[in-house]
Amino acid sequence: MIPKAWKLLSSKLERSFRIFNLRTDRASSPRTGHAYDFYILESSDWVNVIPVTPDDEVVLIRQYRHGIREVTLEIPGGIVEKNDSPEDAARRELIEETGYEGAEWVSLGTVHPNPAFLTNRCHTYLAKNVVRVKPQEQDEREDIEVLLRPLEEIPRLIREKKITHALVLAAFYYFFEEYLLGGNKKTSNKSPDPNSR
């Protein structure tokens, strides 16, 4: 049986929070005709950035994530604000969280973080030949450590589960499997060897 879209019967905004709205949808199954409630989080799109220096080092960040109550190793990222394009948001988040700025920007791809109950997308960018131009601009809810790691070490950090954030893993998939293996070997002044993984 080929799945079909369910018929939306009603949609109600329940509550609005700082980073998302909670919505209740009622929809009927095209197979059984039965109606069910779905709880949906309406969220702005997100963005993340793989920043690579002229020496082929990746600018990573370490920050506390209250959802799992742990400090995680990630790449810079954040929310696409109302009047932003995804690339504008990527540029802003990179310089605010790390103080780095990119000379060349490449869109790597877009994913749906969780289409079961989230409405948004996450856009990934590669920032090439980044350099530090100013101090970080953290807001009062952020405690971010900036660190550099050689690009060739990223697959090992993933294998060893040092990087576990799903959207960061999706970003590096786009980079290693789509961008590099697609023939775009040059990230900066040096060419990383994808076979070193």
Protein backbone atom coordinates (compact mmCIF):
# COMPACT_ATOMS: atom_id res chain seq x y z
CA MET A 1 0.00 0.00 0.00
CA ILE A 2 1.32 3.43 -0.94
CA PRO A 3 0.93 5.89 1.98
CA LYS A 4 -1.20 8.96 1.31
CA ALA A 5 -1.44 12.31 3.06
CA TRP A 6 -3.92 12.43 5.93
CA LYS A 7 -6.88 14.83 5.78
CA LEU A 8 -6.51 17.75 8.20
CA LEU A 9 -9.77 18.21 10.14
CA SER A 10 -8.73 20.98 12.54
CA SER A 11 -5.67 22.84 13.78
CA LYS A 12 -5.38 24.74 17.04
CA LEU A 13 -2.52 26.79 18.49
CA GLU A 14 -2.15 25.71 22.12
CA ARG A 15 0.74 27.78 23.45
CA SER A 16 3.53 29.97 22.19
CA PHE A 17 7.03 29.77 23.64
CA ARG A 18 10.24 31.64 22.89
CA ILE A 19 11.57 29.18 20.30
CA PHE A 20 8.46 27.30 19.15
CA ASN A 21 4.65 27.15 19.11
CA LEU A 22 2.74 24.09 20.30
CA ARG A 23 -0.10 23.18 17.92
CA THR A 24 -2.71 20.41 18.02
CA ASP A 25 -3.83 19.02 14.67
CA ARG A 26 -6.65 16.54 14.19
CA ALA A 27 -6.37 14.45 11.05
CA SER A 28 -8.07 11.38 9.63
CA SER A 29 -6.38 8.31 8.21
CA PRO A 30 -7.10 7.74 4.50
CA ARG A 31 -6.86 3.99 5.15
CA THR A 32 -9.21 3.60 8.16
CA GLY A 33 -11.08 6.91 8.26
CA HIS A 34 -10.32 7.21 11.99
CA ALA A 35 -9.29 10.61 13.36
CA TYR A 36 -6.33 11.21 15.67
CA ASP A 37 -4.67 14.15 17.42
CA PHE A 38 -1.11 15.15 16.51
CA TYR A 39 1.01 17.47 18.64
CA ILE A 40 3.19 19.66 16.46
CA LEU A 41 6.04 22.04 17.29
CA GLU A 42 6.08 24.99 14.90
CA SER A 43 9.65 26.27 14.78
CA SER A 44 11.70 28.62 12.66
CA ASP A 45 14.26 27.00 10.42
CA TRP A 46 17.69 26.27 11.87
CA VAL A 47 21.15 26.60 10.38
CA ASN A 48 24.57 25.14 11.10
CA VAL A 49 28.03 25.86 9.73
CA ILE A 50 31.16 23.80 9.08
CA PRO A 51 33.88 26.47 9.36
CA VAL A 52 37.26 25.47 7.92
CA THR A 53 40.42 27.55 8.37
CA PRO A 54 43.15 28.04 5.72
CA ASP A 55 45.09 25.30 7.58
CA ASP A 56 42.20 22.83 7.20
CA GLU A 57 41.13 22.98 10.82
CA VAL A 58 37.45 22.90 11.73
CA VAL A 59 36.18 25.48 14.21
CA LEU A 60 34.15 23.46 16.71
CA ILE A 61 32.25 24.58 19.78
CA ARG A 62 31.60 22.91 23.10
CA GLN A 63 28.47 23.93 25.01
CA TYR A 64 26.04 22.71 27.66
CA ARG A 65 22.76 21.22 26.38
CA HIS A 66 20.08 21.06 29.05
CA GLY A 67 17.94 18.51 27.20
CA ILE A 68 20.50 15.79 27.90
CA ARG A 69 22.25 17.72 30.71
CA GLU A 70 25.64 17.27 29.11
CA VAL A 71 28.30 19.33 27.38
CA THR A 72 28.37 18.48 23.67
CA LEU A 73 30.87 18.95 20.83
CA GLU A 74 29.22 20.65 17.86
CA ILE A 75 29.59 23.10 15.00
CA PRO A 76 28.20 26.66 15.22
CA GLY A 77 24.51 27.10 14.50
CA GLY A 78 21.22 28.62 15.52
CA ILE A 79 17.83 29.93 14.44
CA VAL A 80 17.02 31.58 11.12
CA GLU A 81 15.37 34.79 12.28
CA LYS A 82 12.25 36.17 10.59
CA ASN A 83 13.99 38.57 8.21
CA ASP A 84 17.09 36.41 7.63
CA SER A 85 18.01 34.21 4.74
CA PRO A 86 19.59 30.92 5.89
CA GLU A 87 23.02 32.15 4.74
CA ASP A 88 22.58 35.45 6.63
CA ALA A 89 21.78 33.43 9.76
CA ALA A 90 24.79 31.16 9.20
CA ARG A 91 27.14 34.14 8.91
CA ARG A 92 25.67 35.74 12.04
CA GLU A 93 25.82 32.59 14.16
CA LEU A 94 29.41 31.87 13.13
CA ILE A 95 30.73 35.27 14.13
CA GLU A 96 28.61 35.54 17.30
CA GLU A 97 29.48 32.08 18.64
CA THR A 98 33.13 31.93 17.57
CA GLY A 99 34.36 35.35 16.42
CA TYR A 100 35.30 33.78 13.06
CA GLU A 101 34.29 35.00 9.61
CA GLY A 102 34.25 33.06 6.34
CA ALA A 103 35.73 34.19 3.03
CA GLU A 104 33.66 31.85 0.88
CA TRP A 105 30.30 30.21 1.61
CA VAL A 106 28.85 27.03 0.11
CA SER A 107 25.36 25.63 0.73
CA LEU A 108 25.77 21.92 1.48
CA GLY A 109 22.16 20.83 1.94
CA THR A 110 18.97 20.86 3.98
CA VAL A 111 17.35 18.27 6.25
CA HIS A 112 14.09 17.96 8.22
CA PRO A 113 15.22 17.57 11.88
CA ASN A 114 12.18 15.44 12.82
CA PRO A 115 9.21 15.52 10.41
CA ALA A 116 7.06 13.54 12.84
CA PHE A 117 6.36 16.61 14.98
CA LEU A 118 8.63 19.49 13.86
CA THR A 119 7.70 21.78 10.96
CA ASN A 120 11.15 23.22 10.25
CA ARG A 121 14.29 22.50 8.27
CA CYS A 122 17.99 22.75 9.09
CA HIS A 123 20.29 24.31 6.47
CA THR A 124 24.00 23.45 6.43
CA TYR A 125 26.76 25.68 5.07
CA LEU A 126 30.48 25.30 4.56
CA ALA A 127 32.47 28.43 5.43
CA LYS A 128 35.87 28.27 3.75
CA ASN A 129 39.10 30.00 4.82
CA VAL A 130 37.62 31.33 8.06
CA VAL A 131 39.69 33.68 10.23
CA ARG A 132 39.07 35.07 13.70
CA VAL A 133 38.18 38.75 13.46
CA LYS A 134 36.64 39.55 16.87
CA PRO A 135 35.74 38.11 20.29
CA GLN A 136 32.66 35.93 20.76
CA GLU A 137 29.28 37.56 21.42
CA GLN A 138 27.53 35.04 23.66
CA ASP A 139 24.08 35.74 25.01
CA GLU A 140 23.22 35.19 28.68
CA ARG A 141 22.04 31.61 28.05
CA GLU A 142 25.27 30.52 26.33
CA ASP A 143 28.59 29.26 27.65
CA ILE A 144 30.59 28.34 24.56
CA GLU A 145 34.17 27.11 24.26
CA VAL A 146 35.76 27.44 20.82
CA LEU A 147 38.32 24.85 19.72
CA LEU A 148 40.08 23.88 16.51
CA ARG A 149 40.46 20.30 15.29
CA PRO A 150 42.10 19.06 12.08
CA LEU A 151 39.53 18.25 9.41
CA GLU A 152 40.98 14.75 9.04
CA GLU A 153 40.14 14.03 12.71
CA ILE A 154 36.39 14.60 12.34
CA PRO A 155 35.52 11.03 11.21
CA ARG A 156 37.40 9.66 14.24
CA LEU A 157 35.54 12.02 16.58
CA ILE A 158 32.28 10.72 15.12
CA ARG A 159 33.31 7.06 15.37
CA GLU A 160 34.39 7.55 18.99
CA LYS A 161 31.04 9.25 19.75
CA LYS A 162 32.70 12.51 20.74
CA ILE A 163 30.23 14.13 18.29
CA THR A 164 26.68 12.82 18.76
CA HIS A 165 24.38 15.72 17.78
CA ALA A 166 22.26 14.35 14.90
CA LEU A 167 22.20 17.62 12.94
CA VAL A 168 25.98 17.93 13.20
CA LEU A 169 26.34 14.35 11.94
CA ALA A 170 24.03 15.19 9.02
CA ALA A 171 26.16 18.25 8.25
CA PHE A 172 29.36 16.22 8.13
CA TYR A 173 27.62 13.62 5.96
CA TYR A 174 26.88 16.36 3.42
CA PHE A 175 30.47 17.56 3.65
CA PHE A 176 32.33 14.25 3.37
CA GLU A 177 29.93 12.18 1.24
CA GLU A 178 28.37 14.81 -1.02
CA TYR A 179 30.79 17.77 -1.17
CA LEU A 180 34.22 16.11 -1.06
CA LEU A 181 33.33 12.92 -2.92
CA GLY A 182 31.36 15.01 -5.42
CA GLY A 183 34.63 16.42 -6.69
CA ASN A 184 34.94 19.54 -4.51
CA LYS A 185 38.21 18.49 -2.91
CA LYS A 186 39.54 21.96 -2.17
CA THR A 187 38.31 23.44 1.12
CA SER A 188 41.15 25.90 1.59
CA ASN A 189 44.77 26.06 0.51
CA LYS A 190 45.23 22.35 1.09
CA SER A 191 43.26 19.35 -0.16
CA PRO A 192 42.15 16.85 2.50
CA ASP A 193 42.32 13.20 1.52
CA PRO A 194 38.85 11.60 1.92
CA ASN A 195 40.58 8.19 1.87
CA SER A 196 42.28 9.03 5.19
CA ARG A 197 38.98 8.22 6.95
